[in-house]
Amino acid sequence: MNTRTAACAALIALAALTTGCSAGGADDKPEQPVATVTATKTVDPVAAREACVDAWAEAILANDDLGLEDEPVECDGLPEDDRLDRYMEGLQRRNEISRGAFDQGVG
Protein backbone atom coordinates (compact mmCIF):
# COMPACT_ATOMS: atom_id res chain seq x y z
CA MET A 1 0.00 0.00 0.00
CA ASN A 2 2.86 2.32 0.59
CA THR A 3 3.84 2.13 -3.06
CA ARG A 4 0.32 3.03 -4.11
CA THR A 5 0.16 5.89 -1.67
CA ALA A 6 3.54 7.19 -2.82
CA ALA A 7 2.49 6.90 -6.48
CA CYS A 8 -0.78 8.75 -5.80
CA ALA A 9 1.05 11.46 -3.90
CA ALA A 10 3.49 11.84 -6.78
CA LEU A 11 0.64 12.09 -9.30
CA ILE A 12 -1.19 14.67 -7.17
CA ALA A 13 2.01 16.70 -6.79
CA LEU A 14 2.64 16.50 -10.53
CA ALA A 15 -0.93 17.57 -11.26
CA ALA A 16 -0.60 20.50 -8.87
CA LEU A 17 2.63 21.65 -10.52
CA THR A 18 1.19 21.54 -14.02
CA THR A 19 -2.14 23.16 -13.21
CA GLY A 20 -2.50 26.39 -15.17
CA CYS A 21 0.15 25.54 -17.73
CA SER A 22 -0.81 25.74 -21.35
CA ALA A 23 -0.10 23.12 -23.94
CA GLY A 24 2.10 25.56 -25.81
CA GLY A 25 0.83 27.58 -28.71
CA ALA A 26 0.45 31.12 -30.00
CA ASP A 27 -0.44 32.38 -26.53
CA ASP A 28 3.01 31.48 -25.17
CA LYS A 29 4.70 34.44 -26.84
CA PRO A 30 5.91 37.13 -24.45
CA GLU A 31 3.82 40.27 -24.45
CA GLN A 32 5.25 42.93 -26.71
CA PRO A 33 5.60 46.43 -25.28
CA VAL A 34 3.07 48.90 -26.60
CA ALA A 35 4.51 52.02 -28.17
CA THR A 36 3.23 55.24 -26.64
CA VAL A 37 2.84 58.24 -28.88
CA THR A 38 2.92 61.64 -27.23
CA ALA A 39 1.66 64.55 -29.26
CA THR A 40 3.70 67.69 -28.91
CA LYS A 41 2.02 70.97 -29.40
CA THR A 42 3.68 73.01 -32.11
CA VAL A 43 2.74 76.63 -32.15
CA ASP A 44 3.49 79.13 -34.85
CA PRO A 45 5.26 81.92 -32.91
CA VAL A 46 3.91 84.62 -35.23
CA ALA A 47 0.33 83.39 -34.86
CA ALA A 48 0.76 83.09 -31.08
CA ARG A 49 2.02 86.66 -30.88
CA GLU A 50 -0.88 87.92 -33.02
CA ALA A 51 -3.36 86.09 -30.78
CA CYS A 52 -1.76 87.74 -27.77
CA VAL A 53 -1.93 91.24 -29.30
CA ASP A 54 -5.58 90.65 -30.29
CA ALA A 55 -6.35 89.48 -26.75
CA TRP A 56 -4.72 92.61 -25.36
CA ALA A 57 -6.78 94.80 -27.69
CA GLU A 58 -10.03 93.12 -26.63
CA ALA A 59 -9.13 93.23 -22.94
CA ILE A 60 -8.14 96.92 -23.03
CA LEU A 61 -11.28 97.70 -25.05
CA ALA A 62 -13.35 96.17 -22.25
CA ASN A 63 -11.33 97.74 -19.41
CA ASP A 64 -9.02 100.74 -19.84
CA ASP A 65 -7.46 100.22 -16.41
CA LEU A 66 -5.47 97.14 -17.38
CA GLY A 67 -1.70 97.07 -17.03
CA LEU A 68 1.12 94.71 -17.89
CA GLU A 69 0.36 92.57 -14.83
CA ASP A 70 -3.06 91.78 -16.38
CA GLU A 71 -1.57 89.98 -19.37
CA PRO A 72 -4.17 87.72 -21.06
CA VAL A 73 -3.75 83.93 -20.96
CA GLU A 74 -3.26 83.94 -24.75
CA CYS A 75 0.18 85.43 -24.03
CA ASP A 76 1.34 82.54 -21.84
CA GLY A 77 4.58 81.01 -23.07
CA LEU A 78 5.68 84.04 -25.11
CA PRO A 79 9.03 85.72 -24.38
CA GLU A 80 9.08 88.05 -21.36
CA ASP A 81 11.34 90.59 -23.10
CA ASP A 82 8.62 91.22 -25.72
CA ARG A 83 5.86 91.76 -23.16
CA LEU A 84 5.73 95.57 -23.26
CA ASP A 85 5.76 95.59 -27.07
CA ARG A 86 2.78 93.21 -27.19
CA TYR A 87 0.88 95.37 -24.71
CA MET A 88 1.61 98.55 -26.69
CA GLU A 89 0.56 96.88 -29.96
CA GLY A 90 -2.65 95.73 -28.27
CA LEU A 91 -3.27 99.27 -27.07
CA GLN A 92 -2.66 100.60 -30.60
CA ARG A 93 -5.00 97.98 -32.06
CA ARG A 94 -7.66 98.94 -29.50
CA ASN A 95 -7.26 102.58 -30.58
CA GLU A 96 -7.74 101.57 -34.22
CA ILE A 97 -10.90 99.63 -33.32
CA SER A 98 -12.25 102.58 -31.34
CA ARG A 99 -11.37 105.02 -34.10
CA GLY A 100 -13.12 102.82 -36.70
CA ALA A 101 -16.25 102.60 -34.55
CA PHE A 102 -16.16 106.38 -34.03
CA ASP A 103 -15.74 107.06 -37.76
CA GLN A 104 -18.67 104.76 -38.61
CA GLY A 105 -20.88 106.48 -36.07
CA VAL A 106 -20.02 110.02 -37.24
CA GLY A 107 -19.93 109.40 -41.00
PDB file of N, CA and C in Angstrom:
ATOM      1  N   MET A   1       0.796  -1.185   0.000  1.00  0.00           N
ATOM      2  CA  MET A   1       0.000   0.000   0.000  1.00  0.00           C
ATOM      3  C   MET A   1       0.844   1.256   0.000  1.00  0.00           C
ATOM      4  N   ASN A   2       2.009   1.153   0.552  1.00  0.00           N
ATOM      5  CA  ASN A   2       2.864   2.316   0.591  1.00  0.00           C
ATOM      6  C   ASN A   2       3.288   2.745  -0.808  1.00  0.00           C
ATOM      7  N   THR A   3       3.461   1.803  -1.704  1.00  0.00           N
ATOM      8  CA  THR A   3       3.842   2.133  -3.060  1.00  0.00           C
ATOM      9  C   THR A   3       2.697   2.851  -3.750  1.00  0.00           C
ATOM     10  N   ARG A   4       1.486   2.349  -3.506  1.00  0.00           N
ATOM     11  CA  ARG A   4       0.324   3.031  -4.108  1.00  0.00           C
ATOM     12  C   ARG A   4       0.164   4.435  -3.549  1.00  0.00           C
ATOM     13  N   THR A   5       0.308   4.581  -2.298  1.00  0.00           N
ATOM     14  CA  THR A   5       0.163   5.894  -1.670  1.00  0.00           C
ATOM     15  C   THR A   5       1.234   6.838  -2.196  1.00  0.00           C
ATOM     16  N   ALA A   6       2.440   6.369  -2.311  1.00  0.00           N
ATOM     17  CA  ALA A   6       3.535   7.188  -2.825  1.00  0.00           C
ATOM     18  C   ALA A   6       3.292   7.552  -4.279  1.00  0.00           C
ATOM     19  N   ALA A   7       2.778   6.623  -5.071  1.00  0.00           N
ATOM     20  CA  ALA A   7       2.495   6.901  -6.481  1.00  0.00           C
ATOM     21  C   ALA A   7       1.375   7.922  -6.598  1.00  0.00           C
ATOM     22  N   CYS A   8       0.334   7.786  -5.780  1.00  0.00           N
ATOM     23  CA  CYS A   8      -0.784   8.754  -5.802  1.00  0.00           C
ATOM     24  C   CYS A   8      -0.298  10.139  -5.386  1.00  0.00           C
ATOM     25  N   ALA A   9       0.514  10.177  -4.364  1.00  0.00           N
ATOM     26  CA  ALA A   9       1.050  11.456  -3.897  1.00  0.00           C
ATOM     27  C   ALA A   9       1.899  12.103  -4.988  1.00  0.00           C
ATOM     28  N   ALA A  10       2.662  11.314  -5.693  1.00  0.00           N
ATOM     29  CA  ALA A  10       3.494  11.837  -6.776  1.00  0.00           C
ATOM     30  C   ALA A  10       2.633  12.369  -7.907  1.00  0.00           C
ATOM     31  N   LEU A  11       1.545  11.635  -8.239  1.00  0.00           N
ATOM     32  CA  LEU A  11       0.642  12.092  -9.304  1.00  0.00           C
ATOM     33  C   LEU A  11      -0.078  13.371  -8.901  1.00  0.00           C
ATOM     34  N   ILE A  12      -0.506  13.454  -7.651  1.00  0.00           N
ATOM     35  CA  ILE A  12      -1.188  14.667  -7.173  1.00  0.00           C
ATOM     36  C   ILE A  12      -0.215  15.849  -7.206  1.00  0.00           C
ATOM     37  N   ALA A  13       1.011  15.636  -6.773  1.00  0.00           N
ATOM     38  CA  ALA A  13       2.014  16.701  -6.793  1.00  0.00           C
ATOM     39  C   ALA A  13       2.302  17.137  -8.222  1.00  0.00           C
ATOM     40  N   LEU A  14       2.404  16.188  -9.130  1.00  0.00           N
ATOM     41  CA  LEU A  14       2.643  16.497 -10.531  1.00  0.00           C
ATOM     42  C   LEU A  14       1.467  17.264 -11.128  1.00  0.00           C
ATOM     43  N   ALA A  15       0.261  16.873 -10.777  1.00  0.00           N
ATOM     44  CA  ALA A  15      -0.935  17.574 -11.260  1.00  0.00           C
ATOM     45  C   ALA A  15      -0.979  18.992 -10.724  1.00  0.00           C
ATOM     46  N   ALA A  16      -0.599  19.170  -9.471  1.00  0.00           N
ATOM     47  CA  ALA A  16      -0.599  20.505  -8.868  1.00  0.00           C
ATOM     48  C   ALA A  16       0.435  21.402  -9.542  1.00  0.00           C
ATOM     49  N   LEU A  17       1.578  20.867  -9.884  1.00  0.00           N
ATOM     50  CA  LEU A  17       2.630  21.653 -10.518  1.00  0.00           C
ATOM     51  C   LEU A  17       2.274  22.069 -11.936  1.00  0.00           C
ATOM     52  N   THR A  18       1.510  21.240 -12.624  1.00  0.00           N
ATOM     53  CA  THR A  18       1.193  21.540 -14.019  1.00  0.00           C
ATOM     54  C   THR A  18      -0.141  22.254 -14.185  1.00  0.00           C
ATOM     55  N   THR A  19      -0.866  22.447 -13.110  1.00  0.00           N
ATOM     56  CA  THR A  19      -2.144  23.157 -13.210  1.00  0.00           C
ATOM     57  C   THR A  19      -1.887  24.584 -13.670  1.00  0.00           C
ATOM     58  N   GLY A  20      -2.628  25.043 -14.644  1.00  0.00           N
ATOM     59  CA  GLY A  20      -2.497  26.391 -15.172  1.00  0.00           C
ATOM     60  C   GLY A  20      -1.509  26.500 -16.308  1.00  0.00           C
ATOM     61  N   CYS A  21      -0.785  25.495 -16.609  1.00  0.00           N
ATOM     62  CA  CYS A  21       0.153  25.539 -17.729  1.00  0.00           C
ATOM     63  C   CYS A  21      -0.597  25.302 -19.028  1.00  0.00           C
ATOM     64  N   SER A  22      -0.162  25.959 -20.059  1.00  0.00           N
ATOM     65  CA  SER A  22      -0.806  25.745 -21.347  1.00  0.00           C
ATOM     66  C   SER A  22      -0.058  24.652 -22.103  1.00  0.00           C
ATOM     67  N   ALA A  23      -0.696  24.179 -23.136  1.00  0.00           N
ATOM     68  CA  ALA A  23      -0.097  23.121 -23.938  1.00  0.00           C
ATOM     69  C   ALA A  23       0.965  23.667 -24.881  1.00  0.00           C
ATOM     70  N   GLY A  24       1.101  24.968 -24.929  1.00  0.00           N
ATOM     71  CA  GLY A  24       2.099  25.559 -25.814  1.00  0.00           C
ATOM     72  C   GLY A  24       1.463  25.900 -27.143  1.00  0.00           C
ATOM     73  N   GLY A  25       1.441  27.152 -27.460  1.00  0.00           N
ATOM     74  CA  GLY A  25       0.832  27.579 -28.709  1.00  0.00           C
ATOM     75  C   GLY A  25       1.128  29.051 -28.919  1.00  0.00           C
ATOM     76  N   ALA A  26       0.256  29.714 -29.673  1.00  0.00           N
ATOM     77  CA  ALA A  26       0.449  31.122 -30.004  1.00  0.00           C
ATOM     78  C   ALA A  26       0.383  32.009 -28.772  1.00  0.00           C
ATOM     79  N   ASP A  27      -0.297  31.560 -27.729  1.00  0.00           N
ATOM     80  CA  ASP A  27      -0.442  32.376 -26.530  1.00  0.00           C
ATOM     81  C   ASP A  27       0.816  32.396 -25.674  1.00  0.00           C
ATOM     82  N   ASP A  28       1.805  31.558 -25.983  1.00  0.00           N
ATOM     83  CA  ASP A  28       3.006  31.478 -25.168  1.00  0.00           C
ATOM     84  C   ASP A  28       4.018  32.579 -25.477  1.00  0.00           C
ATOM     85  N   LYS A  29       3.755  33.387 -26.482  1.00  0.00           N
ATOM     86  CA  LYS A  29       4.698  34.441 -26.842  1.00  0.00           C
ATOM     87  C   LYS A  29       4.704  35.508 -25.755  1.00  0.00           C
ATOM     88  N   PRO A  30       5.861  36.049 -25.449  1.00  0.00           N
ATOM     89  CA  PRO A  30       5.906  37.125 -24.448  1.00  0.00           C
ATOM     90  C   PRO A  30       5.174  38.352 -24.979  1.00  0.00           C
ATOM     91  N   GLU A  31       4.568  39.076 -24.070  1.00  0.00           N
ATOM     92  CA  GLU A  31       3.819  40.267 -24.449  1.00  0.00           C
ATOM     93  C   GLU A  31       4.775  41.328 -24.986  1.00  0.00           C
ATOM     94  N   GLN A  32       4.429  41.890 -26.111  1.00  0.00           N
ATOM     95  CA  GLN A  32       5.254  42.927 -26.711  1.00  0.00           C
ATOM     96  C   GLN A  32       4.902  44.274 -26.077  1.00  0.00           C
ATOM     97  N   PRO A  33       5.892  45.112 -25.838  1.00  0.00           N
ATOM     98  CA  PRO A  33       5.597  46.434 -25.284  1.00  0.00           C
ATOM     99  C   PRO A  33       4.798  47.263 -26.290  1.00  0.00           C
ATOM    100  N   VAL A  34       3.913  48.052 -25.763  1.00  0.00           N
ATOM    101  CA  VAL A  34       3.074  48.902 -26.598  1.00  0.00           C
ATOM    102  C   VAL A  34       3.753  50.257 -26.728  1.00  0.00           C
ATOM    103  N   ALA A  35       3.890  50.721 -27.939  1.00  0.00           N
ATOM    104  CA  ALA A  35       4.508  52.021 -28.175  1.00  0.00           C
ATOM    105  C   ALA A  35       3.529  53.122 -27.764  1.00  0.00           C
ATOM    106  N   THR A  36       4.039  54.106 -27.060  1.00  0.00           N
ATOM    107  CA  THR A  36       3.231  55.237 -26.639  1.00  0.00           C
ATOM    108  C   THR A  36       3.603  56.433 -27.486  1.00  0.00           C
ATOM    109  N   VAL A  37       2.610  57.070 -28.054  1.00  0.00           N
ATOM    110  CA  VAL A  37       2.838  58.244 -28.882  1.00  0.00           C
ATOM    111  C   VAL A  37       2.373  59.460 -28.089  1.00  0.00           C
ATOM    112  N   THR A  38       3.259  60.417 -27.936  1.00  0.00           N
ATOM    113  CA  THR A  38       2.920  61.640 -27.233  1.00  0.00           C
ATOM    114  C   THR A  38       2.906  62.775 -28.240  1.00  0.00           C
ATOM    115  N   ALA A  39       1.771  63.423 -28.332  1.00  0.00           N
ATOM    116  CA  ALA A  39       1.660  64.545 -29.260  1.00  0.00           C
ATOM    117  C   ALA A  39       2.291  65.774 -28.628  1.00  0.00           C
ATOM    118  N   THR A  40       3.129  66.446 -29.389  1.00  0.00           N
ATOM    119  CA  THR A  40       3.700  67.691 -28.909  1.00  0.00           C
ATOM    120  C   THR A  40       3.023  68.831 -29.628  1.00  0.00           C
ATOM    121  N   LYS A  41       2.722  69.817 -28.865  1.00  0.00           N
ATOM    122  CA  LYS A  41       2.016  70.970 -29.404  1.00  0.00           C
ATOM    123  C   LYS A  41       3.028  71.880 -30.091  1.00  0.00           C
ATOM    124  N   THR A  42       2.826  72.079 -31.391  1.00  0.00           N
ATOM    125  CA  THR A  42       3.681  73.007 -32.114  1.00  0.00           C
ATOM    126  C   THR A  42       2.875  74.257 -32.388  1.00  0.00           C
ATOM    127  N   VAL A  43       3.438  75.365 -32.018  1.00  0.00           N
ATOM    128  CA  VAL A  43       2.739  76.634 -32.148  1.00  0.00           C
ATOM    129  C   VAL A  43       3.546  77.544 -33.056  1.00  0.00           C
ATOM    130  N   ASP A  44       2.856  78.134 -33.994  1.00  0.00           N
ATOM    131  CA  ASP A  44       3.487  79.125 -34.854  1.00  0.00           C
ATOM    132  C   ASP A  44       3.726  80.379 -34.004  1.00  0.00           C
ATOM    133  N   PRO A  45       4.983  80.784 -33.790  1.00  0.00           N
ATOM    134  CA  PRO A  45       5.259  81.925 -32.913  1.00  0.00           C
ATOM    135  C   PRO A  45       4.620  83.222 -33.391  1.00  0.00           C
ATOM    136  N   VAL A  46       4.532  83.403 -34.699  1.00  0.00           N
ATOM    137  CA  VAL A  46       3.913  84.624 -35.232  1.00  0.00           C
ATOM    138  C   VAL A  46       2.415  84.625 -34.936  1.00  0.00           C
ATOM    139  N   ALA A  47       1.761  83.487 -35.138  1.00  0.00           N
ATOM    140  CA  ALA A  47       0.331  83.389 -34.855  1.00  0.00           C
ATOM    141  C   ALA A  47       0.052  83.531 -33.360  1.00  0.00           C
ATOM    142  N   ALA A  48       0.935  82.976 -32.528  1.00  0.00           N
ATOM    143  CA  ALA A  48       0.764  83.087 -31.079  1.00  0.00           C
ATOM    144  C   ALA A  48       0.895  84.538 -30.632  1.00  0.00           C
ATOM    145  N   ARG A  49       1.830  85.249 -31.230  1.00  0.00           N
ATOM    146  CA  ARG A  49       2.017  86.664 -30.882  1.00  0.00           C
ATOM    147  C   ARG A  49       0.815  87.491 -31.327  1.00  0.00           C
ATOM    148  N   GLU A  50       0.301  87.213 -32.524  1.00  0.00           N
ATOM    149  CA  GLU A  50      -0.884  87.924 -33.017  1.00  0.00           C
ATOM    150  C   GLU A  50      -2.094  87.670 -32.119  1.00  0.00           C
ATOM    151  N   ALA A  51      -2.254  86.433 -31.679  1.00  0.00           N
ATOM    152  CA  ALA A  51      -3.361  86.094 -30.782  1.00  0.00           C
ATOM    153  C   ALA A  51      -3.222  86.850 -29.469  1.00  0.00           C
ATOM    154  N   CYS A  52      -2.004  86.992 -28.995  1.00  0.00           N
ATOM    155  CA  CYS A  52      -1.758  87.741 -27.769  1.00  0.00           C
ATOM    156  C   CYS A  52      -2.108  89.217 -27.946  1.00  0.00           C
ATOM    157  N   VAL A  53      -1.651  89.817 -29.034  1.00  0.00           N
ATOM    158  CA  VAL A  53      -1.934  91.238 -29.296  1.00  0.00           C
ATOM    159  C   VAL A  53      -3.445  91.451 -29.452  1.00  0.00           C
ATOM    160  N   ASP A  54      -4.122  90.549 -30.154  1.00  0.00           N
ATOM    161  CA  ASP A  54      -5.581  90.646 -30.290  1.00  0.00           C
ATOM    162  C   ASP A  54      -6.262  90.545 -28.928  1.00  0.00           C
ATOM    163  N   ALA A  55      -5.775  89.639 -28.087  1.00  0.00           N
ATOM    164  CA  ALA A  55      -6.353  89.479 -26.751  1.00  0.00           C
ATOM    165  C   ALA A  55      -6.137  90.739 -25.917  1.00  0.00           C
ATOM    166  N   TRP A  56      -4.967  91.351 -26.047  1.00  0.00           N
ATOM    167  CA  TRP A  56      -4.719  92.612 -25.363  1.00  0.00           C
ATOM    168  C   TRP A  56      -5.695  93.681 -25.844  1.00  0.00           C
ATOM    169  N   ALA A  57      -5.878  93.785 -27.141  1.00  0.00           N
ATOM    170  CA  ALA A  57      -6.778  94.803 -27.689  1.00  0.00           C
ATOM    171  C   ALA A  57      -8.194  94.620 -27.149  1.00  0.00           C
ATOM    172  N   GLU A  58      -8.681  93.392 -27.139  1.00  0.00           N
ATOM    173  CA  GLU A  58     -10.032  93.123 -26.632  1.00  0.00           C
ATOM    174  C   GLU A  58     -10.132  93.407 -25.137  1.00  0.00           C
ATOM    175  N   ALA A  59      -9.105  93.019 -24.391  1.00  0.00           N
ATOM    176  CA  ALA A  59      -9.127  93.235 -22.944  1.00  0.00           C
ATOM    177  C   ALA A  59      -9.097  94.725 -22.608  1.00  0.00           C
ATOM    178  N   ILE A  60      -8.243  95.473 -23.291  1.00  0.00           N
ATOM    179  CA  ILE A  60      -8.140  96.916 -23.035  1.00  0.00           C
ATOM    180  C   ILE A  60      -9.414  97.618 -23.501  1.00  0.00           C
ATOM    181  N   LEU A  61     -10.015  97.126 -24.571  1.00  0.00           N
ATOM    182  CA  LEU A  61     -11.276  97.696 -25.051  1.00  0.00           C
ATOM    183  C   LEU A  61     -12.364  97.543 -23.989  1.00  0.00           C
ATOM    184  N   ALA A  62     -12.350  96.428 -23.286  1.00  0.00           N
ATOM    185  CA  ALA A  62     -13.350  96.167 -22.250  1.00  0.00           C
ATOM    186  C   ALA A  62     -13.029  96.887 -20.942  1.00  0.00           C
ATOM    187  N   ASN A  63     -11.724  97.139 -20.682  1.00  0.00           N
ATOM    188  CA  ASN A  63     -11.331  97.742 -19.415  1.00  0.00           C
ATOM    189  C   ASN A  63     -10.058  98.548 -19.624  1.00  0.00           C
ATOM    190  N   ASP A  64     -10.173  99.862 -19.603  1.00  0.00           N
ATOM    191  CA  ASP A  64      -9.018 100.743 -19.843  1.00  0.00           C
ATOM    192  C   ASP A  64      -8.000 100.729 -18.706  1.00  0.00           C
ATOM    193  N   ASP A  65      -8.351 100.195 -17.571  1.00  0.00           N
ATOM    194  CA  ASP A  65      -7.463 100.222 -16.407  1.00  0.00           C
ATOM    195  C   ASP A  65      -6.508  99.042 -16.328  1.00  0.00           C
ATOM    196  N   LEU A  66      -6.361  98.298 -17.388  1.00  0.00           N
ATOM    197  CA  LEU A  66      -5.471  97.138 -17.377  1.00  0.00           C
ATOM    198  C   LEU A  66      -4.023  97.568 -17.541  1.00  0.00           C
ATOM    199  N   GLY A  67      -3.134  96.826 -16.909  1.00  0.00           N
ATOM    200  CA  GLY A  67      -1.704  97.075 -17.034  1.00  0.00           C
ATOM    201  C   GLY A  67      -0.986  95.800 -17.428  1.00  0.00           C
ATOM    202  N   LEU A  68       0.321  95.864 -17.487  1.00  0.00           N
ATOM    203  CA  LEU A  68       1.123  94.707 -17.894  1.00  0.00           C
ATOM    204  C   LEU A  68       0.879  93.482 -17.023  1.00  0.00           C
ATOM    205  N   GLU A  69       0.592  93.703 -15.744  1.00  0.00           N
ATOM    206  CA  GLU A  69       0.355  92.571 -14.833  1.00  0.00           C
ATOM    207  C   GLU A  69      -0.938  91.825 -15.162  1.00  0.00           C
ATOM    208  N   ASP A  70      -1.782  92.395 -16.000  1.00  0.00           N
ATOM    209  CA  ASP A  70      -3.061  91.777 -16.382  1.00  0.00           C
ATOM    210  C   ASP A  70      -2.967  91.056 -17.722  1.00  0.00           C
ATOM    211  N   GLU A  71      -1.790  90.617 -18.066  1.00  0.00           N
ATOM    212  CA  GLU A  71      -1.566  89.983 -19.372  1.00  0.00           C
ATOM    213  C   GLU A  71      -2.542  88.825 -19.601  1.00  0.00           C
ATOM    214  N   PRO A  72      -3.208  88.789 -20.763  1.00  0.00           N
ATOM    215  CA  PRO A  72      -4.172  87.716 -21.061  1.00  0.00           C
ATOM    216  C   PRO A  72      -3.493  86.341 -21.140  1.00  0.00           C
ATOM    217  N   VAL A  73      -4.285  85.303 -20.925  1.00  0.00           N
ATOM    218  CA  VAL A  73      -3.745  83.933 -20.959  1.00  0.00           C
ATOM    219  C   VAL A  73      -3.235  83.560 -22.352  1.00  0.00           C
ATOM    220  N   GLU A  74      -3.724  84.219 -23.381  1.00  0.00           N
ATOM    221  CA  GLU A  74      -3.256  83.944 -24.745  1.00  0.00           C
ATOM    222  C   GLU A  74      -1.770  84.265 -24.900  1.00  0.00           C
ATOM    223  N   CYS A  75      -1.228  85.028 -23.961  1.00  0.00           N
ATOM    224  CA  CYS A  75       0.179  85.432 -24.032  1.00  0.00           C
ATOM    225  C   CYS A  75       1.099  84.473 -23.279  1.00  0.00           C
ATOM    226  N   ASP A  76       0.534  83.501 -22.590  1.00  0.00           N
ATOM    227  CA  ASP A  76       1.344  82.540 -21.841  1.00  0.00           C
ATOM    228  C   ASP A  76       2.328  81.833 -22.756  1.00  0.00           C
ATOM    229  N   GLY A  77       3.558  81.724 -22.306  1.00  0.00           N
ATOM    230  CA  GLY A  77       4.583  81.012 -23.065  1.00  0.00           C
ATOM    231  C   GLY A  77       5.360  81.888 -24.038  1.00  0.00           C
ATOM    232  N   LEU A  78       4.949  83.136 -24.205  1.00  0.00           N
ATOM    233  CA  LEU A  78       5.676  84.040 -25.106  1.00  0.00           C
ATOM    234  C   LEU A  78       6.833  84.693 -24.343  1.00  0.00           C
ATOM    235  N   PRO A  79       7.855  85.156 -25.042  1.00  0.00           N
ATOM    236  CA  PRO A  79       9.032  85.723 -24.380  1.00  0.00           C
ATOM    237  C   PRO A  79       8.689  86.924 -23.496  1.00  0.00           C
ATOM    238  N   GLU A  80       9.306  86.955 -22.313  1.00  0.00           N
ATOM    239  CA  GLU A  80       9.083  88.053 -21.365  1.00  0.00           C
ATOM    240  C   GLU A  80       9.621  89.380 -21.901  1.00  0.00           C
ATOM    241  N   ASP A  81      10.722  89.346 -22.640  1.00  0.00           N
ATOM    242  CA  ASP A  81      11.340  90.591 -23.103  1.00  0.00           C
ATOM    243  C   ASP A  81      10.504  91.304 -24.171  1.00  0.00           C
ATOM    244  N   ASP A  82       9.489  90.657 -24.691  1.00  0.00           N
ATOM    245  CA  ASP A  82       8.619  91.221 -25.722  1.00  0.00           C
ATOM    246  C   ASP A  82       7.274  91.665 -25.131  1.00  0.00           C
ATOM    247  N   ARG A  83       7.148  91.524 -23.833  1.00  0.00           N
ATOM    248  CA  ARG A  83       5.860  91.760 -23.162  1.00  0.00           C
ATOM    249  C   ARG A  83       5.328  93.183 -23.349  1.00  0.00           C
ATOM    250  N   LEU A  84       6.163  94.180 -23.126  1.00  0.00           N
ATOM    251  CA  LEU A  84       5.733  95.571 -23.260  1.00  0.00           C
ATOM    252  C   LEU A  84       5.337  95.883 -24.697  1.00  0.00           C
ATOM    253  N   ASP A  85       6.089  95.361 -25.662  1.00  0.00           N
ATOM    254  CA  ASP A  85       5.757  95.593 -27.073  1.00  0.00           C
ATOM    255  C   ASP A  85       4.385  95.021 -27.417  1.00  0.00           C
ATOM    256  N   ARG A  86       4.085  93.818 -26.918  1.00  0.00           N
ATOM    257  CA  ARG A  86       2.778  93.207 -27.188  1.00  0.00           C
ATOM    258  C   ARG A  86       1.654  94.038 -26.575  1.00  0.00           C
ATOM    259  N   TYR A  87       1.877  94.531 -25.366  1.00  0.00           N
ATOM    260  CA  TYR A  87       0.880  95.375 -24.706  1.00  0.00           C
ATOM    261  C   TYR A  87       0.641  96.651 -25.516  1.00  0.00           C
ATOM    262  N   MET A  88       1.731  97.295 -25.936  1.00  0.00           N
ATOM    263  CA  MET A  88       1.605  98.550 -26.686  1.00  0.00           C
ATOM    264  C   MET A  88       0.925  98.322 -28.040  1.00  0.00           C
ATOM    265  N   GLU A  89       1.233  97.200 -28.694  1.00  0.00           N
ATOM    266  CA  GLU A  89       0.559  96.882 -29.958  1.00  0.00           C
ATOM    267  C   GLU A  89      -0.925  96.606 -29.725  1.00  0.00           C
ATOM    268  N   GLY A  90      -1.242  95.958 -28.623  1.00  0.00           N
ATOM    269  CA  GLY A  90      -2.650  95.728 -28.275  1.00  0.00           C
ATOM    270  C   GLY A  90      -3.370  97.032 -28.016  1.00  0.00           C
ATOM    271  N   LEU A  91      -2.703  97.949 -27.333  1.00  0.00           N
ATOM    272  CA  LEU A  91      -3.272  99.271 -27.075  1.00  0.00           C
ATOM    273  C   LEU A  91      -3.500 100.026 -28.382  1.00  0.00           C
ATOM    274  N   GLN A  92      -2.516  99.945 -29.290  1.00  0.00           N
ATOM    275  CA  GLN A  92      -2.658 100.603 -30.597  1.00  0.00           C
ATOM    276  C   GLN A  92      -3.816  99.988 -31.383  1.00  0.00           C
ATOM    277  N   ARG A  93      -3.913  98.667 -31.353  1.00  0.00           N
ATOM    278  CA  ARG A  93      -5.003  97.982 -32.062  1.00  0.00           C
ATOM    279  C   ARG A  93      -6.358  98.374 -31.469  1.00  0.00           C
ATOM    280  N   ARG A  94      -6.416  98.496 -30.145  1.00  0.00           N
ATOM    281  CA  ARG A  94      -7.658  98.938 -29.504  1.00  0.00           C
ATOM    282  C   ARG A  94      -8.025 100.347 -29.969  1.00  0.00           C
ATOM    283  N   ASN A  95      -7.019 101.212 -30.096  1.00  0.00           N
ATOM    284  CA  ASN A  95      -7.264 102.575 -30.579  1.00  0.00           C
ATOM    285  C   ASN A  95      -7.800 102.560 -32.011  1.00  0.00           C
ATOM    286  N   GLU A  96      -7.253 101.680 -32.846  1.00  0.00           N
ATOM    287  CA  GLU A  96      -7.739 101.568 -34.224  1.00  0.00           C
ATOM    288  C   GLU A  96      -9.197 101.095 -34.254  1.00  0.00           C
ATOM    289  N   ILE A  97      -9.510 100.134 -33.397  1.00  0.00           N
ATOM    290  CA  ILE A  97     -10.898  99.633 -33.325  1.00  0.00           C
ATOM    291  C   ILE A  97     -11.824 100.752 -32.872  1.00  0.00           C
ATOM    292  N   SER A  98     -11.418 101.490 -31.857  1.00  0.00           N
ATOM    293  CA  SER A  98     -12.246 102.576 -31.340  1.00  0.00           C
ATOM    294  C   SER A  98     -12.409 103.683 -32.376  1.00  0.00           C
ATOM    295  N   ARG A  99     -11.332 103.972 -33.059  1.00  0.00           N
ATOM    296  CA  ARG A  99     -11.368 105.015 -34.098  1.00  0.00           C
ATOM    297  C   ARG A  99     -12.304 104.590 -35.250  1.00  0.00           C
ATOM    298  N   GLY A 100     -12.232 103.316 -35.650  1.00  0.00           N
ATOM    299  CA  GLY A 100     -13.117 102.820 -36.702  1.00  0.00           C
ATOM    300  C   GLY A 100     -14.583 102.885 -36.287  1.00  0.00           C
ATOM    301  N   ALA A 101     -14.867 102.527 -35.046  1.00  0.00           N
ATOM    302  CA  ALA A 101     -16.253 102.604 -34.548  1.00  0.00           C
ATOM    303  C   ALA A 101     -16.717 104.048 -34.494  1.00  0.00           C
ATOM    304  N   PHE A 102     -15.813 104.959 -34.105  1.00  0.00           N
ATOM    305  CA  PHE A 102     -16.164 106.384 -34.034  1.00  0.00           C
ATOM    306  C   PHE A 102     -16.437 106.927 -35.433  1.00  0.00           C
ATOM    307  N   ASP A 103     -15.577 106.581 -36.387  1.00  0.00           N
ATOM    308  CA  ASP A 103     -15.743 107.059 -37.762  1.00  0.00           C
ATOM    309  C   ASP A 103     -17.044 106.542 -38.371  1.00  0.00           C
ATOM    310  N   GLN A 104     -17.417 105.315 -38.092  1.00  0.00           N
ATOM    311  CA  GLN A 104     -18.670 104.761 -38.614  1.00  0.00           C
ATOM    312  C   GLN A 104     -19.875 105.443 -37.997  1.00  0.00           C
ATOM    313  N   GLY A 105     -19.761 105.815 -36.744  1.00  0.00           N
ATOM    314  CA  GLY A 105     -20.879 106.475 -36.067  1.00  0.00           C
ATOM    315  C   GLY A 105     -21.059 107.904 -36.509  1.00  0.00           C
ATOM    316  N   VAL A 106     -19.972 108.595 -36.857  1.00  0.00           N
ATOM    317  CA  VAL A 106     -20.024 110.018 -37.238  1.00  0.00           C
ATOM    318  C   VAL A 106     -20.372 110.143 -38.706  1.00  0.00           C
ATOM    319  N   GLY A 107     -19.814 109.288 -39.552  1.00  0.00           N
ATOM    320  CA  GLY A 107     -19.931 109.400 -40.998  1.00  0.00           C
ATOM    321  C   GLY A 107     -21.170 108.901 -41.499  1.00  0.00           C
TER     322      GLY A 107
END
